[in-house]
C-alpha atoms as a PDB file:
ATOM      1  CA  MET A   1     196.045  65.211  69.651  1.00  0.00           C
ATOM      2  CA  ASP A   2     198.924  66.257  67.411  1.00  0.00           C
ATOM      3  CA  ILE A   3     199.148  63.384  64.928  1.00  0.00           C
ATOM      4  CA  CYS A   4     196.585  60.784  63.928  1.00  0.00           C
ATOM      5  CA  LEU A   5     197.425  57.461  62.262  1.00  0.00           C
ATOM      6  CA  VAL A   6     194.623  55.626  60.477  1.00  0.00           C
ATOM      7  CA  ASN A   7     194.949  52.019  59.287  1.00  0.00           C
ATOM      8  CA  ILE A   8     194.122  51.946  55.591  1.00  0.00           C
ATOM      9  CA  ASP A   9     194.621  48.304  54.590  1.00  0.00           C
ATOM     10  CA  LYS A  10     195.128  44.741  55.796  1.00  0.00           C
ATOM     11  CA  ASN A  11     198.910  45.258  55.867  1.00  0.00           C
ATOM     12  CA  LEU A  12     198.352  47.927  58.547  1.00  0.00           C
ATOM     13  CA  ASN A  13     199.770  50.707  56.378  1.00  0.00           C
ATOM     14  CA  LYS A  14     198.680  53.999  57.867  1.00  0.00           C
ATOM     15  CA  SER A  15     197.556  57.379  56.652  1.00  0.00           C
ATOM     16  CA  LEU A  16     199.547  60.023  58.521  1.00  0.00           C
ATOM     17  CA  GLN A  17     197.416  63.013  59.502  1.00  0.00           C
ATOM     18  CA  PRO A  18     198.812  65.995  61.415  1.00  0.00           C
ATOM     19  CA  THR A  19     196.020  67.420  63.557  1.00  0.00           C
ATOM     20  CA  SER A  20     197.756  70.375  65.209  1.00  0.00           C
ATOM     21  CA  ALA A  21     200.314  72.995  64.257  1.00  0.00           C
ATOM     22  CA  ILE A  22     202.813  71.312  66.591  1.00  0.00           C
ATOM     23  CA  GLY A  23     202.201  67.966  64.902  1.00  0.00           C
ATOM     24  CA  MET A  24     202.713  69.483  61.464  1.00  0.00           C
ATOM     25  CA  LEU A  25     205.890  71.304  62.484  1.00  0.00           C
ATOM     26  CA  TRP A  26     207.283  68.150  64.089  1.00  0.00           C
ATOM     27  CA  LEU A  27     206.544  66.120  60.949  1.00  0.00           C
ATOM     28  CA  GLN A  28     208.234  68.744  58.792  1.00  0.00           C
ATOM     29  CA  THR A  29     211.467  68.046  60.693  1.00  0.00           C
ATOM     30  CA  HIS A  30     211.185  64.354  59.748  1.00  0.00           C
ATOM     31  CA  PHE A  31     210.217  64.623  56.057  1.00  0.00           C
ATOM     32  CA  GLU A  32     211.843  66.252  53.045  1.00  0.00           C
ATOM     33  CA  ASP A  33     210.671  69.717  51.954  1.00  0.00           C
ATOM     34  CA  ASP A  34     209.028  68.336  48.813  1.00  0.00           C
ATOM     35  CA  GLN A  35     206.763  66.131  50.966  1.00  0.00           C
ATOM     36  CA  TRP A  36     205.313  68.943  53.102  1.00  0.00           C
ATOM     37  CA  GLU A  37     202.380  69.597  50.768  1.00  0.00           C
ATOM     38  CA  ALA A  38     201.415  65.918  50.898  1.00  0.00           C
ATOM     39  CA  LEU A  39     201.683  66.049  54.708  1.00  0.00           C
ATOM     40  CA  SER A  40     199.366  69.041  54.916  1.00  0.00           C
ATOM     41  CA  ASN A  41     196.853  67.291  52.629  1.00  0.00           C
ATOM     42  CA  ASN A  42     196.880  64.012  54.618  1.00  0.00           C
ATOM     43  CA  GLN A  43     198.338  62.156  51.627  1.00  0.00           C
ATOM     44  CA  VAL A  44     201.306  60.477  53.333  1.00  0.00           C
ATOM     45  CA  ILE A  45     201.139  56.723  53.853  1.00  0.00           C
ATOM     46  CA  VAL A  46     203.600  54.948  56.164  1.00  0.00           C
ATOM     47  CA  SER A  47     204.176  51.262  56.733  1.00  0.00           C
ATOM     48  CA  ASN A  48     203.196  49.652  60.021  1.00  0.00           C
ATOM     49  CA  GLU A  49     206.867  49.232  60.966  1.00  0.00           C
ATOM     50  CA  ASN A  50     207.755  52.854  60.134  1.00  0.00           C
ATOM     51  CA  SER A  51     204.671  54.108  61.967  1.00  0.00           C
ATOM     52  CA  LYS A  52     205.861  52.365  65.150  1.00  0.00           C
ATOM     53  CA  LEU A  53     209.210  54.159  64.912  1.00  0.00           C
ATOM     54  CA  LEU A  54     207.501  57.471  64.176  1.00  0.00           C
ATOM     55  CA  VAL A  55     205.108  57.085  67.124  1.00  0.00           C
ATOM     56  CA  LYS A  56     207.936  56.209  69.505  1.00  0.00           C
ATOM     57  CA  ASP A  57     209.939  59.253  68.404  1.00  0.00           C
ATOM     58  CA  ALA A  58     206.915  61.583  68.510  1.00  0.00           C
ATOM     59  CA  ILE A  59     205.868  60.467  71.988  1.00  0.00           C
ATOM     60  CA  SER A  60     209.422  60.943  73.271  1.00  0.00           C
ATOM     61  CA  ALA A  61     209.208  64.510  71.894  1.00  0.00           C
ATOM     62  CA  GLY A  62     206.019  65.106  73.897  1.00  0.00           C
ATOM     63  CA  LEU A  63     203.470  64.877  71.096  1.00  0.00           C
ATOM     64  CA  LYS A  64     200.038  63.310  71.551  1.00  0.00           C
ATOM     65  CA  ILE A  65     199.362  60.501  69.069  1.00  0.00           C
ATOM     66  CA  LYS A  66     196.163  58.599  68.262  1.00  0.00           C
ATOM     67  CA  SER A  67     195.901  55.525  66.095  1.00  0.00           C
ATOM     68  CA  PHE A  68     192.637  54.269  64.622  1.00  0.00           C
ATOM     69  CA  SER A  69     191.464  51.535  62.334  1.00  0.00           C
ATOM     70  CA  GLY A  70     189.583  52.799  59.288  1.00  0.00           C
ATOM     71  CA  VAL A  71     186.386  51.267  60.663  1.00  0.00           C
ATOM     72  CA  SER A  72     186.588  52.999  64.022  1.00  0.00           C
ATOM     73  CA  MET A  73     187.256  56.365  62.348  1.00  0.00           C
ATOM     74  CA  LEU A  74     184.166  55.878  60.191  1.00  0.00           C
ATOM     75  CA  ASP A  75     182.116  55.164  63.320  1.00  0.00           C
ATOM     76  CA  VAL A  76     183.445  58.341  65.000  1.00  0.00           C
ATOM     77  CA  PHE A  77     182.675  60.428  61.919  1.00  0.00           C
ATOM     78  CA  GLN A  78     179.143  59.055  61.588  1.00  0.00           C
ATOM     79  CA  LYS A  79     178.380  59.728  65.259  1.00  0.00           C
ATOM     80  CA  LYS A  80     179.423  63.387  64.849  1.00  0.00           C
ATOM     81  CA  ASN A  81     177.129  63.931  61.849  1.00  0.00           C
END
């Protein structure tokens, strides 16, 4: 997986989380330089509509994308620990 999107609210806004070097580099080509630190710290939030565009573009570039609800990510995390 190169990029992970996690639903963070009822409006389906998503936390954008690069999970590989390729994912991070790809995102850096789509965001301004001053946003790179926020990208690397998983602090970027995108709307549901913008996330659909981002996912479509990323998949066409060959990246692997996963999207989770906040609840399912919590379940995955708890099972690992």
